[in-house]
Amino acid sequence: MHSKVVIIGSGPAGLTAALYAARANLEPLVIRGLQPGGLIATTSEVENYPGFIEGIGGFELADNMEKQAARFGARYMDAIVERVDLSQRPFRLVTDSGEEVTADALIISTGASPRKLGVPGEDRLANRGVSYCATCDGFFFRNKKVVVVGGGNSALDEGLFLTRYVSELKIVHRRDALRADPILQERAFSNPKITFVWNSVVEEILGDDKVTGVRVRNLKTGEVSIIETDGVFPYIGHIPNTSLFKGQLELDENGYIIADHRTRTAIPGVFAAGDVVDHIYRQAITAAGEGCKAAMEATWFLSEQEHAARKSAELATTPA
């Protein structure tokens, strides 16, 4: 199977790229991957995406994006890309079913996954009190108690955001000092809703149908205690979904794809958009903007390639 443009990933970045590429008559192929719709599709309510006064369900938002792109000719494949060869064009991709797909231009929007605590109860209580996005889900914890795990910028940023809603917030950190920027630390320490649980780790998230507490162990004393809580927000980092591209694309020290402000990677014809390059904002709207840029860049790239090919053919047929 060959396509002028192949998009790996179907979150807001990938689906926006599909929309713009489809409107450019490129009939892009979107390989949906492990999580059709991306992480946004797992969010129960999205209230910060422009244009939806009353908010919209994450799955519905992703579904609308997919249908909108399909209206203009985008195609979809339910598969996982297991191997890529970016050494020459057309680029070659092999899916988990063994099918080979080639592309003249490639847009990578595989996203990033929240780093999990890896403790009992975490997966079972996901979306039932365990959340990885305060901006998405903070409203649902109005006047409730929550626990944030972590000590970096994300933990404090998201924790401070949560204090708009919650009645009480505890930050559990494995050290006795924070890694976050001083200004964030100052804000957190001065916020009356925030208290800290130092030198401690969460060993289990408790609850049957919803989160009711966390089991915490002090790393210095070994003492185990239970903190009653309605929600747990782990912020111990993100893992970009880039293992597929190691050795072929330039990655930074944290595994994010290195691309310029126009979404171009070091390989001409390969573009990267969304959370696979963004470790700062990680919002649906910023990912969508990156997807738009990537599709426009891919369109221009293919036009330049076609123009160069025509010129070359003309020169080849011109009498000496």
Protein backbone atom coordinates (compact mmCIF):
# COMPACT_ATOMS: atom_id res chain seq x y z
CA MET A 1 0.00 0.00 0.00
CA HIS A 2 1.36 3.40 -0.94
CA SER A 3 0.23 6.85 0.12
CA LYS A 4 1.62 10.27 -0.57
CA VAL A 5 1.25 11.12 3.12
CA VAL A 6 1.17 8.65 5.98
CA ILE A 7 0.36 9.84 9.49
CA ILE A 8 1.29 7.65 12.45
CA GLY A 9 -0.99 8.36 15.41
CA SER A 10 -4.58 9.51 15.68
CA GLY A 11 -4.68 12.04 18.49
CA PRO A 12 -5.43 15.74 17.93
CA ALA A 13 -2.10 16.26 16.14
CA GLY A 14 -2.55 13.33 13.78
CA LEU A 15 -6.21 13.99 13.04
CA THR A 16 -5.65 17.70 12.40
CA ALA A 17 -2.78 16.79 10.09
CA ALA A 18 -5.13 14.37 8.34
CA LEU A 19 -7.73 17.12 7.88
CA TYR A 20 -5.29 19.56 6.32
CA ALA A 21 -3.59 16.94 4.16
CA ALA A 22 -6.96 15.65 2.97
CA ARG A 23 -8.12 19.16 2.05
CA ALA A 24 -4.93 19.43 -0.01
CA ASN A 25 -6.15 16.37 -1.98
CA LEU A 26 -3.32 14.19 -0.69
CA GLU A 27 -5.63 11.38 0.54
CA PRO A 28 -3.55 10.79 3.68
CA LEU A 29 -3.47 7.43 5.40
CA VAL A 30 -3.73 7.56 9.20
CA ILE A 31 -2.41 4.55 11.07
CA ARG A 32 -4.39 4.76 14.29
CA GLY A 33 -2.05 2.87 16.62
CA LEU A 34 -2.67 1.60 20.15
CA GLN A 35 -5.04 4.37 21.23
CA PRO A 36 -7.39 5.58 18.49
CA GLY A 37 -8.12 9.22 19.22
CA GLY A 38 -5.05 9.55 21.42
CA LEU A 39 -5.07 10.26 25.14
CA ILE A 40 -7.79 12.89 24.70
CA ALA A 41 -10.25 10.09 23.82
CA THR A 42 -9.85 8.69 27.35
CA THR A 43 -10.87 11.98 28.98
CA SER A 44 -14.47 12.10 30.07
CA GLU A 45 -14.95 15.82 29.59
CA VAL A 46 -12.93 18.41 27.65
CA GLU A 47 -13.83 21.96 28.62
CA ASN A 48 -10.81 23.86 27.31
CA TYR A 49 -10.99 23.09 23.59
CA PRO A 50 -12.18 26.22 21.73
CA GLY A 51 -15.65 26.17 20.23
CA PHE A 52 -17.51 23.99 22.73
CA ILE A 53 -19.30 26.22 25.21
CA GLU A 54 -20.53 23.38 27.42
CA GLY A 55 -17.48 21.20 26.86
CA ILE A 56 -17.33 17.95 24.94
CA GLY A 57 -16.46 14.36 25.73
CA GLY A 58 -12.92 13.42 24.78
CA PHE A 59 -14.04 10.45 22.70
CA GLU A 60 -16.64 12.55 20.93
CA LEU A 61 -14.09 15.26 20.15
CA ALA A 62 -11.67 12.73 18.65
CA ASP A 63 -14.48 11.02 16.75
CA ASN A 64 -15.63 14.35 15.29
CA MET A 65 -12.07 15.15 14.20
CA GLU A 66 -11.75 11.76 12.54
CA LYS A 67 -15.05 12.09 10.67
CA GLN A 68 -14.23 15.63 9.59
CA ALA A 69 -10.93 14.51 8.04
CA ALA A 70 -12.64 11.49 6.43
CA ARG A 71 -15.13 13.83 4.78
CA PHE A 72 -12.27 15.27 2.72
CA GLY A 73 -10.69 11.93 1.86
CA ALA A 74 -8.55 10.84 4.80
CA ARG A 75 -8.24 7.08 5.16
CA TYR A 76 -7.67 5.04 8.32
CA MET A 77 -5.89 1.84 9.19
CA ASP A 78 -6.27 0.06 12.52
CA ALA A 79 -2.73 -1.17 13.00
CA ILE A 80 0.44 -0.65 14.98
CA VAL A 81 3.62 0.29 13.16
CA GLU A 82 6.35 -2.09 14.28
CA ARG A 83 9.22 -1.11 11.96
CA VAL A 84 10.17 1.86 9.85
CA ASP A 85 12.88 2.48 7.29
CA LEU A 86 13.56 6.19 6.85
CA SER A 87 16.85 5.74 5.01
CA GLN A 88 15.32 6.48 1.60
CA ARG A 89 12.13 7.66 -0.03
CA PRO A 90 9.54 6.37 -0.29
CA PHE A 91 9.70 5.65 3.42
CA ARG A 92 8.77 2.10 4.38
CA LEU A 93 6.61 1.06 7.34
CA VAL A 94 5.69 -2.45 8.46
CA THR A 95 2.62 -3.01 10.65
CA ASP A 96 1.96 -5.63 13.31
CA SER A 97 0.03 -7.67 10.71
CA GLY A 98 3.06 -7.72 8.42
CA GLU A 99 1.55 -5.30 5.91
CA GLU A 100 3.99 -2.94 4.22
CA VAL A 101 3.08 0.71 3.72
CA THR A 102 5.17 3.21 1.80
CA ALA A 103 4.96 6.99 1.93
CA ASP A 104 6.42 9.97 0.10
CA ALA A 105 6.02 12.07 3.25
CA LEU A 106 5.61 10.94 6.85
CA ILE A 107 4.02 12.78 9.77
CA ILE A 108 4.81 11.32 13.19
CA SER A 109 2.25 12.09 15.89
CA THR A 110 2.68 9.09 18.17
CA GLY A 111 2.39 11.23 21.30
CA ALA A 112 3.72 10.60 24.78
CA SER A 113 2.42 8.44 27.57
CA PRO A 114 2.30 9.53 31.22
CA ARG A 115 4.87 7.72 33.27
CA LYS A 116 2.92 5.49 35.62
CA LEU A 117 3.61 4.75 39.25
CA GLY A 118 3.44 1.03 38.55
CA VAL A 119 1.61 0.23 41.79
CA PRO A 120 -1.42 -1.96 42.53
CA GLY A 121 -4.74 -0.23 41.86
CA GLU A 122 -3.37 2.28 39.36
CA ASP A 123 -4.64 0.65 36.17
CA ARG A 124 -7.82 -0.67 37.74
CA LEU A 125 -8.87 2.77 39.00
CA ALA A 126 -7.83 4.75 35.92
CA ASN A 127 -10.55 7.33 35.14
CA ARG A 128 -12.16 6.43 38.46
CA GLY A 129 -10.06 8.76 40.55
CA VAL A 130 -6.67 8.19 38.93
CA SER A 131 -5.95 10.91 36.40
CA TYR A 132 -2.89 12.16 34.57
CA CYS A 133 -4.36 15.50 33.49
CA ALA A 134 -5.42 18.10 36.06
CA THR A 135 -6.37 20.56 33.33
CA CYS A 136 -8.73 17.97 31.85
CA ASP A 137 -10.23 16.50 35.03
CA GLY A 138 -9.70 19.01 37.83
CA PHE A 139 -13.30 20.23 37.75
CA PHE A 140 -14.58 16.78 38.71
CA PHE A 141 -12.77 17.00 42.04
CA ARG A 142 -14.49 20.13 43.22
CA ASN A 143 -14.45 20.29 47.05
CA LYS A 144 -12.70 16.93 47.29
CA LYS A 145 -9.34 15.75 48.59
CA VAL A 146 -6.63 14.76 46.12
CA VAL A 147 -3.05 13.53 46.13
CA VAL A 148 -0.42 14.65 43.63
CA VAL A 149 2.68 12.50 43.25
CA GLY A 150 5.90 14.19 42.15
CA GLY A 151 8.18 17.11 42.86
CA GLY A 152 8.96 18.71 39.50
CA ASN A 153 7.42 21.55 37.54
CA SER A 154 4.52 19.45 36.27
CA ALA A 155 3.55 18.25 39.74
CA LEU A 156 3.49 21.76 41.17
CA ASP A 157 1.95 23.38 38.10
CA GLU A 158 -0.88 20.86 37.99
CA GLY A 159 -1.20 20.84 41.77
CA LEU A 160 -1.63 24.60 41.86
CA PHE A 161 -4.22 24.33 39.11
CA LEU A 162 -6.12 21.73 41.14
CA THR A 163 -6.34 24.05 44.14
CA ARG A 164 -8.90 26.03 42.17
CA TYR A 165 -11.29 23.15 42.75
CA VAL A 166 -10.22 20.87 45.59
CA SER A 167 -10.62 21.40 49.31
CA GLU A 168 -7.30 19.79 50.21
CA LEU A 169 -4.25 18.67 48.28
CA LYS A 170 -1.28 16.62 49.44
CA ILE A 171 1.89 16.38 47.39
CA VAL A 172 3.79 13.15 47.93
CA HIS A 173 7.46 13.41 46.99
CA ARG A 174 10.20 10.83 47.36
CA ARG A 175 12.77 13.40 48.46
CA ASP A 176 12.92 16.15 51.08
CA ALA A 177 13.31 18.93 48.51
CA LEU A 178 11.52 19.80 45.30
CA ARG A 179 13.03 19.92 41.82
CA ALA A 180 10.54 22.50 40.56
CA ASP A 181 11.43 26.08 39.69
CA PRO A 182 11.75 28.40 42.72
CA ILE A 183 8.74 30.53 41.75
CA LEU A 184 6.51 27.43 41.63
CA GLN A 185 7.86 26.27 44.98
CA GLU A 186 7.09 29.66 46.50
CA ARG A 187 3.52 29.54 45.21
CA ALA A 188 3.01 25.99 46.44
CA PHE A 189 4.43 26.60 49.91
CA SER A 190 2.26 29.69 50.35
CA ASN A 191 -0.95 27.97 49.20
CA PRO A 192 -3.07 27.07 52.27
CA LYS A 193 -4.66 24.08 50.50
CA ILE A 194 -1.32 22.35 49.87
CA THR A 195 0.62 20.18 52.32
CA PHE A 196 3.66 18.00 51.59
CA VAL A 197 4.44 14.40 52.43
CA TRP A 198 8.24 14.21 52.19
CA ASN A 199 10.59 11.28 51.62
CA SER A 200 7.65 9.08 50.70
CA VAL A 201 6.35 6.95 47.86
CA VAL A 202 2.89 5.68 46.98
CA GLU A 203 2.90 1.87 47.17
CA GLU A 204 -0.78 1.20 46.42
CA ILE A 205 -3.91 3.03 45.32
CA LEU A 206 -6.91 1.90 47.32
CA GLY A 207 -10.56 1.59 46.39
CA ASP A 208 -13.08 -0.72 44.76
CA ASP A 209 -15.15 1.27 42.25
CA LYS A 210 -13.34 4.56 42.91
CA VAL A 211 -10.26 5.85 44.66
CA THR A 212 -10.59 6.06 48.44
CA GLY A 213 -6.97 6.38 49.52
CA VAL A 214 -3.30 5.65 48.96
CA ARG A 215 -0.86 3.54 50.93
CA VAL A 216 2.33 5.52 51.47
CA ARG A 217 5.74 4.40 52.75
CA ASN A 218 8.32 6.75 54.25
CA LEU A 219 11.68 5.95 52.64
CA LYS A 220 13.69 7.03 55.69
CA THR A 221 11.72 5.45 58.52
CA GLY A 222 9.97 2.65 56.64
CA GLU A 223 6.68 3.69 58.26
CA VAL A 224 3.57 2.85 56.24
CA SER A 225 0.45 5.02 56.43
CA ILE A 226 -2.80 5.50 54.57
CA ILE A 227 -3.91 8.86 53.20
CA GLU A 228 -7.61 9.15 52.51
CA THR A 229 -8.21 10.79 49.14
CA ASP A 230 -10.72 11.03 46.31
CA GLY A 231 -8.17 11.27 43.54
CA VAL A 232 -4.56 10.58 42.60
CA PHE A 233 -2.63 12.60 40.02
CA PRO A 234 0.80 11.11 39.22
CA TYR A 235 3.23 13.61 37.71
CA ILE A 236 6.49 11.77 37.53
CA GLY A 237 7.14 12.56 33.89
CA HIS A 238 6.08 11.47 30.42
CA ILE A 239 7.52 8.85 28.12
CA PRO A 240 7.48 9.88 24.45
CA ASN A 241 6.37 7.08 22.15
CA THR A 242 9.51 7.19 20.05
CA SER A 243 11.21 3.81 20.53
CA LEU A 244 10.22 3.00 16.94
CA PHE A 245 12.49 5.77 15.65
CA LYS A 246 15.63 5.23 17.71
CA GLY A 247 18.68 5.15 15.49
CA GLN A 248 16.80 6.75 12.58
CA LEU A 249 15.70 10.12 13.90
CA GLU A 250 17.49 12.51 16.21
CA LEU A 251 16.04 12.36 19.73
CA ASP A 252 16.82 14.51 22.75
CA GLU A 253 18.04 13.14 26.08
CA ASN A 254 14.45 12.41 27.15
CA GLY A 255 13.51 10.61 23.94
CA TYR A 256 11.50 13.40 22.29
CA ILE A 257 11.93 13.85 18.55
CA ILE A 258 13.99 16.89 17.65
CA ALA A 259 12.21 19.04 15.08
CA ASP A 260 12.43 22.70 14.13
CA HIS A 261 9.69 25.28 14.62
CA ARG A 262 8.21 24.15 11.29
CA THR A 263 7.88 20.52 12.51
CA ARG A 264 10.68 19.38 10.18
CA THR A 265 13.02 16.65 11.39
CA ALA A 266 16.57 16.16 10.15
CA ILE A 267 15.23 13.84 7.42
CA PRO A 268 13.56 15.72 4.54
CA GLY A 269 9.96 14.60 4.20
CA VAL A 270 9.63 13.44 7.82
CA PHE A 271 7.68 15.74 10.14
CA ALA A 272 6.80 15.44 13.83
CA ALA A 273 3.90 17.03 15.68
CA GLY A 274 2.19 17.04 19.06
CA ASP A 275 3.33 15.46 22.29
CA VAL A 276 6.02 13.46 20.54
CA VAL A 277 7.98 16.73 20.35
CA ASP A 278 6.26 18.85 23.02
CA HIS A 279 7.24 18.21 26.63
CA ILE A 280 6.02 21.59 27.89
CA TYR A 281 2.37 22.22 27.00
CA ARG A 282 0.91 18.79 26.15
CA GLN A 283 -2.56 20.13 25.36
CA ALA A 284 -5.01 19.04 22.67
CA ILE A 285 -5.14 22.51 21.16
CA THR A 286 -1.34 22.88 20.91
CA ALA A 287 -1.09 19.39 19.41
CA ALA A 288 -3.75 20.29 16.84
CA GLY A 289 -1.79 23.40 15.90
CA GLU A 290 1.35 21.32 15.41
CA GLY A 291 -0.60 18.86 13.26
CA CYS A 292 -1.80 21.71 11.06
CA LYS A 293 1.77 22.94 10.59
CA ALA A 294 3.07 19.44 9.80
CA ALA A 295 0.44 18.84 7.12
CA MET A 296 1.09 22.20 5.48
CA GLU A 297 4.84 21.51 5.51
CA ALA A 298 4.26 18.06 4.01
CA THR A 299 2.10 19.60 1.27
CA TRP A 300 4.78 22.15 0.41
CA PHE A 301 7.49 19.49 0.51
CA LEU A 302 5.63 17.24 -1.93
CA SER A 303 4.91 20.16 -4.24
CA GLU A 304 8.60 21.03 -4.33
CA GLN A 305 9.49 17.41 -5.04
CA GLU A 306 6.98 17.21 -7.88
CA HIS A 307 8.21 20.49 -9.34
CA ALA A 308 11.84 19.30 -9.19
CA ALA A 309 10.86 16.01 -10.87
CA ARG A 310 9.09 17.86 -13.72
CA LYS A 311 12.06 20.14 -14.26
CA SER A 312 14.39 17.16 -14.32
CA ALA A 313 12.17 15.38 -16.86
CA GLU A 314 12.03 18.49 -19.05
CA LEU A 315 15.80 18.83 -19.00
CA ALA A 316 16.19 15.16 -19.88
CA THR A 317 14.04 15.55 -22.98
CA THR A 318 15.52 18.86 -24.13
CA PRO A 319 17.81 18.44 -27.15
CA ALA A 320 21.44 19.21 -26.43
